[in-house]
Amino acid sequence: MEVFFSKMARSILRHMRVGSKEELIRRIEAYRWQMNRDPVPFRSKYGFEELERCTTPLILKQ
């Protein structure tokens, strides 16, 4: 989820100027529609083994 919002912020929100809250909502919905129209699977740069290796110490500390 964080990746989606980060990409949206970098792609459309950073340079956007809107005149109203309704226009902002319309533009965000248009972005969501476009992303859902041409979906791309998320690919993590870490494999499951790498993720497990990084998170195991956190789990053991609790």
Protein backbone atom coordinates (compact mmCIF):
# COMPACT_ATOMS: atom_id res chain seq x y z
CA MET A 1 0.00 0.00 0.00
CA GLU A 2 2.84 2.37 0.82
CA VAL A 3 4.33 1.79 -2.62
CA PHE A 4 1.04 2.76 -4.29
CA PHE A 5 0.77 6.05 -2.38
CA SER A 6 4.44 6.83 -2.85
CA LYS A 7 4.19 6.30 -6.59
CA MET A 8 1.01 8.38 -6.76
CA ALA A 9 2.66 11.20 -4.83
CA ARG A 10 5.70 11.18 -7.13
CA SER A 11 3.63 10.81 -10.31
CA ILE A 12 0.72 13.19 -9.95
CA LEU A 13 0.48 14.92 -6.60
CA ARG A 14 3.88 16.62 -6.46
CA HIS A 15 3.29 19.11 -9.29
CA MET A 16 -0.50 19.24 -9.19
CA ARG A 17 -2.37 22.48 -8.65
CA VAL A 18 -6.11 22.21 -8.12
CA GLY A 19 -8.81 24.77 -7.62
CA SER A 20 -11.01 22.73 -5.31
CA LYS A 21 -11.21 19.62 -3.19
CA GLU A 22 -13.59 18.07 -5.73
CA GLU A 23 -11.04 18.52 -8.52
CA LEU A 24 -8.37 16.82 -6.37
CA ILE A 25 -10.74 13.90 -5.73
CA ARG A 26 -11.51 13.61 -9.47
CA ARG A 27 -7.82 13.54 -10.37
CA ILE A 28 -6.99 10.92 -7.73
CA GLU A 29 -9.91 8.77 -8.89
CA ALA A 30 -8.76 9.14 -12.51
CA TYR A 31 -5.27 7.97 -11.47
CA ARG A 32 -6.75 4.97 -9.63
CA TRP A 33 -8.90 4.11 -12.65
CA GLN A 34 -5.89 4.29 -14.96
CA MET A 35 -3.79 2.10 -12.64
CA ASN A 36 -6.60 -0.48 -12.42
CA ARG A 37 -7.13 -0.43 -16.18
CA ASP A 38 -3.53 -1.51 -16.87
CA PRO A 39 -2.47 -3.39 -13.73
CA VAL A 40 1.19 -4.27 -13.18
CA PRO A 41 2.07 -6.86 -10.54
CA PHE A 42 4.21 -5.53 -7.72
CA ARG A 43 7.68 -7.02 -7.69
CA SER A 44 9.66 -6.67 -4.51
CA LYS A 45 13.37 -6.19 -4.86
CA TYR A 46 13.78 -8.63 -1.96
CA GLY A 47 13.10 -12.34 -2.22
CA PHE A 48 11.21 -14.24 0.45
CA GLU A 49 14.46 -15.61 1.84
CA GLU A 50 15.89 -12.10 2.20
CA LEU A 51 12.70 -10.85 3.82
CA GLU A 52 12.66 -13.75 6.27
CA ARG A 53 16.32 -13.19 7.13
CA CYS A 54 15.68 -9.49 7.85
CA THR A 55 12.49 -9.96 9.89
CA THR A 56 13.41 -13.02 11.95
CA PRO A 57 15.44 -11.00 14.52
CA LEU A 58 12.47 -8.64 14.95
CA ILE A 59 10.09 -11.50 15.62
CA LEU A 60 12.44 -13.11 18.15
CA LYS A 61 12.80 -9.86 20.15
CA GLN A 62 9.09 -9.63 20.94
